[in-house]
Structure formats: C-alpha cells, structure tokens
PDB file of N, CA and C in Angstrom:
ATOM      1  N   MET A   1       0.835  -1.170   0.000  1.00  0.00           N
ATOM      2  CA  MET A   1       0.000   0.000   0.000  1.00  0.00           C
ATOM      3  C   MET A   1       0.884   1.238   0.000  1.00  0.00           C
ATOM      4  N   SER A   2       0.548   2.197  -0.854  1.00  0.00           N
ATOM      5  CA  SER A   2       1.354   3.399  -1.006  1.00  0.00           C
ATOM      6  C   SER A   2       0.842   4.524  -0.119  1.00  0.00           C
ATOM      7  N   ASP A   3       1.771   5.320   0.409  1.00  0.00           N
ATOM      8  CA  ASP A   3       1.410   6.485   1.210  1.00  0.00           C
ATOM      9  C   ASP A   3       1.433   7.765   0.380  1.00  0.00           C
ATOM     10  N   THR A   4       1.554   7.642  -0.945  1.00  0.00           N
ATOM     11  CA  THR A   4       1.623   8.804  -1.813  1.00  0.00           C
ATOM     12  C   THR A   4       0.231   9.339  -2.084  1.00  0.00           C
ATOM     13  N   HIS A   5       0.076  10.629  -1.907  1.00  0.00           N
ATOM     14  CA  HIS A   5      -1.179  11.319  -2.176  1.00  0.00           C
ATOM     15  C   HIS A   5      -0.896  12.355  -3.257  1.00  0.00           C
ATOM     16  N   ILE A   6      -1.734  12.405  -4.304  1.00  0.00           N
ATOM     17  CA  ILE A   6      -1.540  13.354  -5.395  1.00  0.00           C
ATOM     18  C   ILE A   6      -2.641  14.403  -5.337  1.00  0.00           C
ATOM     19  N   GLU A   7      -2.243  15.664  -5.415  1.00  0.00           N
ATOM     20  CA  GLU A   7      -3.176  16.785  -5.341  1.00  0.00           C
ATOM     21  C   GLU A   7      -2.982  17.674  -6.566  1.00  0.00           C
ATOM     22  N   ALA A   8      -4.030  17.859  -7.367  1.00  0.00           N
ATOM     23  CA  ALA A   8      -3.945  18.716  -8.546  1.00  0.00           C
ATOM     24  C   ALA A   8      -3.936  20.179  -8.136  1.00  0.00           C
ATOM     25  N   ILE A   9      -3.198  20.976  -8.870  1.00  0.00           N
ATOM     26  CA  ILE A   9      -3.180  22.417  -8.662  1.00  0.00           C
ATOM     27  C   ILE A   9      -4.132  23.018  -9.685  1.00  0.00           C
ATOM     28  N   VAL A  10      -5.076  23.807  -9.231  1.00  0.00           N
ATOM     29  CA  VAL A  10      -6.118  24.293 -10.127  1.00  0.00           C
ATOM     30  C   VAL A  10      -5.833  25.679 -10.711  1.00  0.00           C
ATOM     31  N   VAL A  11      -4.772  26.328 -10.290  1.00  0.00           N
ATOM     32  CA  VAL A  11      -4.396  27.623 -10.849  1.00  0.00           C
ATOM     33  C   VAL A  11      -3.840  27.392 -12.255  1.00  0.00           C
ATOM     34  N   PRO A  12      -4.339  28.128 -13.257  1.00  0.00           N
ATOM     35  CA  PRO A  12      -3.806  27.939 -14.617  1.00  0.00           C
ATOM     36  C   PRO A  12      -2.312  28.250 -14.680  1.00  0.00           C
ATOM     37  N   LEU A  13      -1.557  27.345 -15.248  1.00  0.00           N
ATOM     38  CA  LEU A  13      -0.113  27.526 -15.412  1.00  0.00           C
ATOM     39  C   LEU A  13       0.231  27.492 -16.892  1.00  0.00           C
ATOM     40  N   TYR A  14       1.250  28.244 -17.255  1.00  0.00           N
ATOM     41  CA  TYR A  14       1.689  28.336 -18.640  1.00  0.00           C
ATOM     42  C   TYR A  14       3.205  28.200 -18.691  1.00  0.00           C
ATOM     43  N   TYR A  15       3.711  27.865 -19.871  1.00  0.00           N
ATOM     44  CA  TYR A  15       5.153  27.729 -20.072  1.00  0.00           C
ATOM     45  C   TYR A  15       5.486  28.265 -21.455  1.00  0.00           C
ATOM     46  N   ASP A  16       6.441  29.179 -21.525  1.00  0.00           N
ATOM     47  CA  ASP A  16       6.901  29.748 -22.791  1.00  0.00           C
ATOM     48  C   ASP A  16       8.272  29.174 -23.082  1.00  0.00           C
ATOM     49  N   ASP A  17       8.358  28.346 -24.127  1.00  0.00           N
ATOM     50  CA  ASP A  17       9.646  27.723 -24.458  1.00  0.00           C
ATOM     51  C   ASP A  17      10.466  28.553 -25.441  1.00  0.00           C
ATOM     52  N   GLY A  18      10.014  29.773 -25.723  1.00  0.00           N
ATOM     53  CA  GLY A  18      10.718  30.635 -26.654  1.00  0.00           C
ATOM     54  C   GLY A  18      10.174  30.525 -28.073  1.00  0.00           C
ATOM     55  N   LYS A  19       9.381  29.501 -28.334  1.00  0.00           N
ATOM     56  CA  LYS A  19       8.779  29.313 -29.657  1.00  0.00           C
ATOM     57  C   LYS A  19       7.263  29.447 -29.577  1.00  0.00           C
ATOM     58  N   VAL A  20       6.664  28.757 -28.612  1.00  0.00           N
ATOM     59  CA  VAL A  20       5.215  28.793 -28.417  1.00  0.00           C
ATOM     60  C   VAL A  20       4.912  28.823 -26.922  1.00  0.00           C
ATOM     61  N   VAL A  21       3.672  29.190 -26.598  1.00  0.00           N
ATOM     62  CA  VAL A  21       3.217  29.195 -25.210  1.00  0.00           C
ATOM     63  C   VAL A  21       2.361  27.949 -24.998  1.00  0.00           C
ATOM     64  N   HIS A  22       2.700  27.196 -23.962  1.00  0.00           N
ATOM     65  CA  HIS A  22       2.016  25.948 -23.623  1.00  0.00           C
ATOM     66  C   HIS A  22       1.107  26.162 -22.424  1.00  0.00           C
ATOM     67  N   THR A  23       0.077  25.336 -22.296  1.00  0.00           N
ATOM     68  CA  THR A  23      -0.697  25.277 -21.070  1.00  0.00           C
ATOM     69  C   THR A  23      -0.228  24.050 -20.295  1.00  0.00           C
ATOM     70  N   CYS A  24      -0.243  24.139 -18.971  1.00  0.00           N
ATOM     71  CA  CYS A  24       0.346  23.097 -18.137  1.00  0.00           C
ATOM     72  C   CYS A  24      -0.659  22.490 -17.165  1.00  0.00           C
ATOM     73  N   GLU A  25      -0.311  21.307 -16.708  1.00  0.00           N
ATOM     74  CA  GLU A  25      -0.986  20.655 -15.596  1.00  0.00           C
ATOM     75  C   GLU A  25       0.062  20.487 -14.504  1.00  0.00           C
ATOM     76  N   SER A  26      -0.347  20.675 -13.277  1.00  0.00           N
ATOM     77  CA  SER A  26       0.599  20.610 -12.181  1.00  0.00           C
ATOM     78  C   SER A  26       0.002  19.842 -11.017  1.00  0.00           C
ATOM     79  N   TYR A  27       0.846  19.075 -10.355  1.00  0.00           N
ATOM     80  CA  TYR A  27       0.414  18.248  -9.232  1.00  0.00           C
ATOM     81  C   TYR A  27       1.462  18.286  -8.140  1.00  0.00           C
ATOM     82  N   PHE A  28       1.002  18.217  -6.911  1.00  0.00           N
ATOM     83  CA  PHE A  28       1.888  17.989  -5.776  1.00  0.00           C
ATOM     84  C   PHE A  28       1.746  16.525  -5.392  1.00  0.00           C
ATOM     85  N   MET A  29       2.859  15.872  -5.182  1.00  0.00           N
ATOM     86  CA  MET A  29       2.845  14.501  -4.689  1.00  0.00           C
ATOM     87  C   MET A  29       3.274  14.558  -3.236  1.00  0.00           C
ATOM     88  N   HIS A  30       2.455  14.048  -2.354  1.00  0.00           N
ATOM     89  CA  HIS A  30       2.750  14.076  -0.916  1.00  0.00           C
ATOM     90  C   HIS A  30       3.094  12.674  -0.447  1.00  0.00           C
ATOM     91  N   PRO A  31       4.244  12.353   0.038  1.00  0.00           N
ATOM     92  CA  PRO A  31       5.396  13.244   0.074  1.00  0.00           C
ATOM     93  C   PRO A  31       6.065  13.291  -1.295  1.00  0.00           C
ATOM     94  N   GLY A  32       6.664  14.395  -1.620  1.00  0.00           N
ATOM     95  CA  GLY A  32       7.366  14.509  -2.888  1.00  0.00           C
ATOM     96  C   GLY A  32       7.276  15.904  -3.473  1.00  0.00           C
ATOM     97  N   PRO A  33       7.790  16.052  -4.681  1.00  0.00           N
ATOM     98  CA  PRO A  33       7.894  17.371  -5.304  1.00  0.00           C
ATOM     99  C   PRO A  33       6.637  17.753  -6.081  1.00  0.00           C
ATOM    100  N   GLU A  34       6.617  19.006  -6.512  1.00  0.00           N
ATOM    101  CA  GLU A  34       5.609  19.465  -7.460  1.00  0.00           C
ATOM    102  C   GLU A  34       6.032  18.959  -8.840  1.00  0.00           C
ATOM    103  N   MET A  35       5.093  18.473  -9.609  1.00  0.00           N
ATOM    104  CA  MET A  35       5.387  17.986 -10.953  1.00  0.00           C
ATOM    105  C   MET A  35       4.570  18.794 -11.944  1.00  0.00           C
ATOM    106  N   ILE A  36       5.252  19.357 -12.961  1.00  0.00           N
ATOM    107  CA  ILE A  36       4.575  20.171 -13.963  1.00  0.00           C
ATOM    108  C   ILE A  36       4.885  19.593 -15.340  1.00  0.00           C
ATOM    109  N   ARG A  37       3.829  19.411 -16.131  1.00  0.00           N
ATOM    110  CA  ARG A  37       3.965  18.952 -17.507  1.00  0.00           C
ATOM    111  C   ARG A  37       3.061  19.799 -18.377  1.00  0.00           C
ATOM    112  N   THR A  38       3.475  20.010 -19.608  1.00  0.00           N
ATOM    113  CA  THR A  38       2.594  20.695 -20.542  1.00  0.00           C
ATOM    114  C   THR A  38       1.533  19.713 -21.010  1.00  0.00           C
ATOM    115  N   LYS A  39       0.454  20.229 -21.559  1.00  0.00           N
ATOM    116  CA  LYS A  39      -0.601  19.359 -22.085  1.00  0.00           C
ATOM    117  C   LYS A  39      -0.076  18.509 -23.243  1.00  0.00           C
ATOM    118  N   CYS A  40       1.009  18.971 -23.895  1.00  0.00           N
ATOM    119  CA  CYS A  40       1.613  18.192 -24.986  1.00  0.00           C
ATOM    120  C   CYS A  40       2.734  17.286 -24.469  1.00  0.00           C
ATOM    121  N   ASP A  41       2.756  17.074 -23.146  1.00  0.00           N
ATOM    122  CA  ASP A  41       3.602  16.083 -22.487  1.00  0.00           C
ATOM    123  C   ASP A  41       5.089  16.418 -22.414  1.00  0.00           C
ATOM    124  N   LYS A  42       5.423  17.693 -22.239  1.00  0.00           N
ATOM    125  CA  LYS A  42       6.817  18.086 -22.000  1.00  0.00           C
ATOM    126  C   LYS A  42       6.976  18.382 -20.518  1.00  0.00           C
ATOM    127  N   VAL A  43       8.112  18.002 -19.970  1.00  0.00           N
ATOM    128  CA  VAL A  43       8.406  18.282 -18.557  1.00  0.00           C
ATOM    129  C   VAL A  43       8.825  19.744 -18.420  1.00  0.00           C
ATOM    130  N   VAL A  44       8.266  20.423 -17.430  1.00  0.00           N
ATOM    131  CA  VAL A  44       8.621  21.816 -17.144  1.00  0.00           C
ATOM    132  C   VAL A  44       9.401  21.827 -15.838  1.00  0.00           C
ATOM    133  N   LEU A  45      10.576  22.402 -15.876  1.00  0.00           N
ATOM    134  CA  LEU A  45      11.426  22.448 -14.688  1.00  0.00           C
ATOM    135  C   LEU A  45      10.856  23.403 -13.651  1.00  0.00           C
ATOM    136  N   PRO A  46      11.143  23.172 -12.369  1.00  0.00           N
ATOM    137  CA  PRO A  46      10.654  24.054 -11.309  1.00  0.00           C
ATOM    138  C   PRO A  46      11.044  25.510 -11.570  1.00  0.00           C
ATOM    139  N   GLY A  47      10.104  26.406 -11.393  1.00  0.00           N
ATOM    140  CA  GLY A  47      10.357  27.827 -11.567  1.00  0.00           C
ATOM    141  C   GLY A  47      10.187  28.338 -12.986  1.00  0.00           C
ATOM    142  N   GLU A  48       9.934  27.449 -13.964  1.00  0.00           N
ATOM    143  CA  GLU A  48       9.798  27.892 -15.347  1.00  0.00           C
ATOM    144  C   GLU A  48       8.353  28.128 -15.764  1.00  0.00           C
ATOM    145  N   ALA A  49       7.392  27.556 -15.057  1.00  0.00           N
ATOM    146  CA  ALA A  49       5.984  27.790 -15.364  1.00  0.00           C
ATOM    147  C   ALA A  49       5.565  29.108 -14.716  1.00  0.00           C
ATOM    148  N   PHE A  50       4.557  29.745 -15.290  1.00  0.00           N
ATOM    149  CA  PHE A  50       4.091  31.004 -14.732  1.00  0.00           C
ATOM    150  C   PHE A  50       2.574  31.077 -14.805  1.00  0.00           C
ATOM    151  N   THR A  51       2.023  31.990 -14.046  1.00  0.00           N
ATOM    152  CA  THR A  51       0.597  32.278 -14.057  1.00  0.00           C
ATOM    153  C   THR A  51       0.429  33.781 -13.953  1.00  0.00           C
ATOM    154  N   LEU A  52      -0.679  34.282 -14.439  1.00  0.00           N
ATOM    155  CA  LEU A  52      -0.984  35.701 -14.340  1.00  0.00           C
ATOM    156  C   LEU A  52      -2.382  35.847 -13.775  1.00  0.00           C
ATOM    157  N   SER A  53      -2.546  36.760 -12.848  1.00  0.00           N
ATOM    158  CA  SER A  53      -3.889  37.001 -12.324  1.00  0.00           C
ATOM    159  C   SER A  53      -4.531  38.121 -13.133  1.00  0.00           C
ATOM    160  N   ASN A  54      -5.815  37.996 -13.366  1.00  0.00           N
ATOM    161  CA  ASN A  54      -6.595  38.999 -14.086  1.00  0.00           C
ATOM    162  C   ASN A  54      -6.058  39.267 -15.488  1.00  0.00           C
ATOM    163  N   ALA A  55      -5.606  38.238 -16.182  1.00  0.00           N
ATOM    164  CA  ALA A  55      -5.084  38.393 -17.537  1.00  0.00           C
ATOM    165  C   ALA A  55      -5.404  37.139 -18.346  1.00  0.00           C
ATOM    166  N   THR A  56      -5.338  37.272 -19.644  1.00  0.00           N
ATOM    167  CA  THR A  56      -5.516  36.116 -20.507  1.00  0.00           C
ATOM    168  C   THR A  56      -4.200  35.819 -21.211  1.00  0.00           C
ATOM    169  N   ILE A  57      -3.993  34.571 -21.511  1.00  0.00           N
ATOM    170  CA  ILE A  57      -2.777  34.115 -22.168  1.00  0.00           C
ATOM    171  C   ILE A  57      -3.171  33.476 -23.495  1.00  0.00           C
ATOM    172  N   ASP A  58      -2.482  33.818 -24.557  1.00  0.00           N
ATOM    173  CA  ASP A  58      -2.693  33.149 -25.831  1.00  0.00           C
ATOM    174  C   ASP A  58      -1.855  31.878 -25.858  1.00  0.00           C
ATOM    175  N   VAL A  59      -2.522  30.732 -25.764  1.00  0.00           N
ATOM    176  CA  VAL A  59      -1.830  29.444 -25.872  1.00  0.00           C
ATOM    177  C   VAL A  59      -1.640  29.178 -27.357  1.00  0.00           C
ATOM    178  N   THR A  60      -0.375  29.112 -27.796  1.00  0.00           N
ATOM    179  CA  THR A  60      -0.087  28.985 -29.217  1.00  0.00           C
ATOM    180  C   THR A  60       0.421  27.606 -29.614  1.00  0.00           C
ATOM    181  N   CYS A  61       0.594  26.705 -28.670  1.00  0.00           N
ATOM    182  CA  CYS A  61       1.017  25.342 -28.978  1.00  0.00           C
ATOM    183  C   CYS A  61      -0.200  24.552 -29.471  1.00  0.00           C
ATOM    184  N   ASP A  62      -0.162  24.135 -30.734  1.00  0.00           N
ATOM    185  CA  ASP A  62      -1.282  23.380 -31.308  1.00  0.00           C
ATOM    186  C   ASP A  62      -1.540  22.079 -30.562  1.00  0.00           C
ATOM    187  N   ALA A  63      -0.482  21.393 -30.146  1.00  0.00           N
ATOM    188  CA  ALA A  63      -0.643  20.110 -29.446  1.00  0.00           C
ATOM    189  C   ALA A  63      -1.299  20.309 -28.076  1.00  0.00           C
ATOM    190  N   CYS A  64      -0.952  21.388 -27.371  1.00  0.00           N
ATOM    191  CA  CYS A  64      -1.590  21.672 -26.076  1.00  0.00           C
ATOM    192  C   CYS A  64      -3.066  21.994 -26.274  1.00  0.00           C
ATOM    193  N   ARG A  65      -3.359  22.794 -27.288  1.00  0.00           N
ATOM    194  CA  ARG A  65      -4.754  23.139 -27.554  1.00  0.00           C
ATOM    195  C   ARG A  65      -5.553  21.909 -27.964  1.00  0.00           C
ATOM    196  N   LYS A  66      -4.952  21.031 -28.746  1.00  0.00           N
ATOM    197  CA  LYS A  66      -5.638  19.798 -29.151  1.00  0.00           C
ATOM    198  C   LYS A  66      -5.887  18.905 -27.933  1.00  0.00           C
ATOM    199  N   ALA A  67      -4.894  18.763 -27.061  1.00  0.00           N
ATOM    200  CA  ALA A  67      -5.038  17.927 -25.861  1.00  0.00           C
ATOM    201  C   ALA A  67      -6.086  18.502 -24.911  1.00  0.00           C
ATOM    202  N   ALA A  68      -6.238  19.819 -24.915  1.00  0.00           N
ATOM    203  CA  ALA A  68      -7.230  20.460 -24.051  1.00  0.00           C
ATOM    204  C   ALA A  68      -8.607  20.511 -24.702  1.00  0.00           C
ATOM    205  N   GLY A  69      -8.684  20.050 -25.964  1.00  0.00           N
ATOM    206  CA  GLY A  69      -9.962  20.057 -26.675  1.00  0.00           C
ATOM    207  C   GLY A  69     -10.350  21.416 -27.206  1.00  0.00           C
ATOM    208  N   THR A  70      -9.364  22.278 -27.456  1.00  0.00           N
ATOM    209  CA  THR A  70      -9.651  23.628 -27.932  1.00  0.00           C
ATOM    210  C   THR A  70      -8.964  23.918 -29.259  1.00  0.00           C
ATOM    211  N   ALA A  71      -8.652  22.902 -30.030  1.00  0.00           N
ATOM    212  CA  ALA A  71      -7.896  23.087 -31.271  1.00  0.00           C
ATOM    213  C   ALA A  71      -8.710  23.744 -32.375  1.00  0.00           C
ATOM    214  N   ASP A  72     -10.018  23.883 -32.200  1.00  0.00           N
ATOM    215  CA  ASP A  72     -10.837  24.472 -33.245  1.00  0.00           C
ATOM    216  C   ASP A  72     -10.720  25.992 -33.315  1.00  0.00           C
ATOM    217  N   ALA A  73     -10.251  26.630 -32.272  1.00  0.00           N
ATOM    218  CA  ALA A  73     -10.117  28.076 -32.244  1.00  0.00           C
ATOM    219  C   ALA A  73      -8.642  28.438 -32.121  1.00  0.00           C
ATOM    220  N   ARG A  74      -8.197  29.424 -32.884  1.00  0.00           N
ATOM    221  CA  ARG A  74      -6.797  29.801 -32.825  1.00  0.00           C
ATOM    222  C   ARG A  74      -6.673  31.306 -32.721  1.00  0.00           C
ATOM    223  N   PRO A  75      -5.913  31.856 -31.801  1.00  0.00           N
ATOM    224  CA  PRO A  75      -5.415  31.191 -30.608  1.00  0.00           C
ATOM    225  C   PRO A  75      -6.491  31.096 -29.543  1.00  0.00           C
ATOM    226  N   ARG A  76      -6.303  30.220 -28.616  1.00  0.00           N
ATOM    227  CA  ARG A  76      -7.266  30.017 -27.531  1.00  0.00           C
ATOM    228  C   ARG A  76      -6.842  30.852 -26.347  1.00  0.00           C
ATOM    229  N   ARG A  77      -7.749  31.600 -25.774  1.00  0.00           N
ATOM    230  CA  ARG A  77      -7.465  32.386 -24.556  1.00  0.00           C
ATOM    231  C   ARG A  77      -7.925  31.576 -23.375  1.00  0.00           C
ATOM    232  N   TRP A  78      -7.010  31.310 -22.452  1.00  0.00           N
ATOM    233  CA  TRP A  78      -7.309  30.466 -21.269  1.00  0.00           C
ATOM    234  C   TRP A  78      -7.696  31.331 -20.125  1.00  0.00           C
TER     235      TRP A  78
END
C-alpha cells in the first residue's frame, strides 16, 4: 500500500519555451515534489511555469490546444 497522495493544482499555469506558449498541468505529490507537464507532455522544470492574475494568455502550442480540446479556435485564450 502506497502512502503517496496526489493533489492537482487548479491555478492555470503556462510555459513559454521561446517558440510557443504551452498550457500546463501541475500536481503535488505528498510526500514529494511538485510535478509540472505541458498538455503536450513536456516536462517543465521548477520555476519555469508562470501564471498571471486577471489576464488572458494566448496558448499557441497546437498540441496543447488539441489535448485540451480547444484546437478548433486559434489562438485560444485560457
């Protein structure tokens, strides 16, 4: 039996790799670290994801938008 508990972070997170802006999913593993991945399955290192309050972000990664089910509109504002 495992003592690991996973908790999703509900604050929208984004990652800019210098080419496109990705949307991210983030989880805390208790005990353990925060884990962040883009919707297109890239690992985001600690401190590289960002969020903005009271603002919209243009997600420009087609694979992230497709994984989020928003590929029909370009760009998608999250």
